[in-house]
Protein backbone atom coordinates (compact mmCIF):
# COMPACT_ATOMS: atom_id res chain seq x y z
CA MET A 1 -31.23 31.84 -50.82
CA ASP A 2 -28.41 29.76 -49.65
CA VAL A 3 -28.56 26.03 -50.14
CA GLN A 4 -26.75 25.47 -46.86
CA GLN A 5 -29.46 27.17 -44.81
CA ASP A 6 -32.23 25.00 -46.24
CA GLU A 7 -30.59 21.70 -45.20
CA PRO A 8 -31.52 20.38 -41.74
CA GLN A 9 -28.77 20.41 -39.14
CA ASN A 10 -28.17 16.97 -37.54
CA HIS A 11 -25.47 17.42 -34.94
CA SER A 12 -25.16 14.85 -32.20
CA THR A 13 -23.72 16.02 -28.91
CA ALA A 14 -22.24 14.00 -26.09
CA ALA A 15 -24.36 13.44 -23.00
CA LEU A 16 -21.54 14.45 -20.64
CA THR A 17 -18.59 16.58 -21.58
CA ILE A 18 -15.68 17.27 -19.22
CA VAL A 19 -13.56 20.24 -20.16
CA VAL A 20 -10.00 19.75 -18.93
CA HIS A 21 -9.37 23.47 -18.65
CA SER A 22 -12.30 24.13 -16.32
CA TRP A 23 -11.94 24.56 -12.57
CA ALA A 24 -14.43 21.80 -11.83
CA THR A 25 -12.11 18.96 -12.88
CA PRO A 26 -9.31 19.52 -10.31
CA ILE A 27 -11.86 20.38 -7.62
CA VAL A 28 -13.73 17.11 -8.21
CA GLY A 29 -10.41 15.22 -8.22
CA VAL A 30 -9.29 16.70 -4.90
CA LEU A 31 -12.74 16.14 -3.41
CA MET A 32 -12.68 12.46 -4.42
CA LEU A 33 -9.17 12.09 -2.97
CA VAL A 34 -10.27 13.57 0.36
CA ILE A 35 -13.38 11.35 0.44
CA GLY A 36 -11.23 8.28 -0.29
CA LEU A 37 -8.69 9.13 2.41
CA LEU A 38 -11.35 9.83 5.03
CA GLY A 39 -13.31 6.72 4.05
CA GLY A 40 -10.19 4.57 4.32
CA TYR A 41 -9.19 6.05 7.65
CA PHE A 42 -12.58 5.77 9.34
CA GLY A 43 -13.73 2.64 7.48
CA ARG A 44 -10.68 0.68 8.63
CA GLN A 45 -12.17 0.37 12.10
CA LEU A 46 -15.28 -1.25 10.64
CA LEU A 47 -13.37 -3.75 8.50
CA LEU A 48 -10.65 -4.66 11.02
CA PRO A 49 -12.17 -4.90 14.49
CA GLN A 50 -9.85 -4.11 17.39
CA PRO A 51 -8.99 -6.98 19.79
CA SER A 52 -10.79 -6.93 23.09
CA PRO A 53 -8.77 -5.87 26.18
CA GLY A 54 -9.36 -9.23 27.94
CA VAL A 55 -7.49 -11.16 25.23
CA ALA A 56 -4.20 -9.23 25.58
CA SER A 57 -1.12 -11.37 26.12
CA SER A 58 0.70 -11.31 29.41
CA PRO A 59 3.93 -9.27 29.80
CA ALA A 60 5.90 -12.46 30.49
CA GLU A 61 5.04 -13.80 27.02
CA ALA A 62 6.08 -10.52 25.40
CA VAL A 63 9.44 -10.53 27.21
CA ALA A 64 10.08 -14.17 26.29
CA SER A 65 9.39 -13.54 22.60
CA SER A 66 11.63 -10.45 22.53
CA GLN A 67 14.53 -12.35 24.10
CA ASP A 68 14.59 -14.84 21.19
CA GLN A 69 15.78 -12.16 18.77
CA PRO A 70 19.20 -10.49 19.06
CA ALA A 71 19.46 -6.76 19.78
CA ASN A 72 22.49 -5.37 17.90
CA PRO A 73 23.23 -5.70 14.14
CA ASP A 74 26.14 -8.16 14.55
CA GLU A 75 24.01 -10.54 16.61
CA LEU A 76 21.13 -10.07 14.18
CA MET A 77 23.30 -11.02 11.17
CA ALA A 78 24.69 -14.04 13.02
CA PHE A 79 21.13 -15.08 13.84
CA VAL A 80 19.94 -14.67 10.23
CA VAL A 81 22.94 -16.50 8.77
CA GLY A 82 22.45 -19.31 11.30
CA GLN A 83 18.79 -19.70 10.28
CA THR A 84 19.46 -19.66 6.51
CA ARG A 85 19.58 -23.03 4.78
CA HIS A 86 20.16 -22.11 1.13
CA PHE A 87 23.65 -20.82 0.38
CA LYS A 88 25.51 -20.39 -2.90
CA GLY A 89 29.26 -20.53 -3.02
CA ASP A 90 31.88 -21.05 -0.35
CA PRO A 91 30.38 -21.13 3.18
CA ASN A 92 33.71 -19.80 4.59
CA ALA A 93 33.86 -16.76 2.30
CA PRO A 94 35.06 -13.49 3.89
CA VAL A 95 31.91 -11.66 2.69
CA THR A 96 28.32 -12.85 3.07
CA LEU A 97 25.53 -11.26 1.01
CA ILE A 98 21.99 -11.88 2.21
CA GLU A 99 19.07 -11.02 -0.07
CA PHE A 100 15.67 -10.50 1.51
CA SER A 101 12.69 -10.92 -0.80
CA ASP A 102 9.01 -11.74 -0.79
CA PHE A 103 7.57 -13.97 -3.50
CA GLN A 104 3.87 -13.45 -2.80
């Protein structure tokens, strides 16, 4: 008689075991990704309601707002530099560097 066979075996097992090398893990991952993408695409309409057609702005207002901004890059840079109030260094420097950032 072996002494090891007479002793009771008390092994605790995990309730849920995920084996990384099984095919179920990547399939579940891809399935969750697809569900998330579809839920985000179709759920967006529920969270952000579309504006009603009667509230649309008139074409004259759209043309007036687009005329306030310059069209080509040189005019755009002149517009941005003209609107900027916080400069460092010589205002008459031959090169102007503009840094765009968002501090939110």
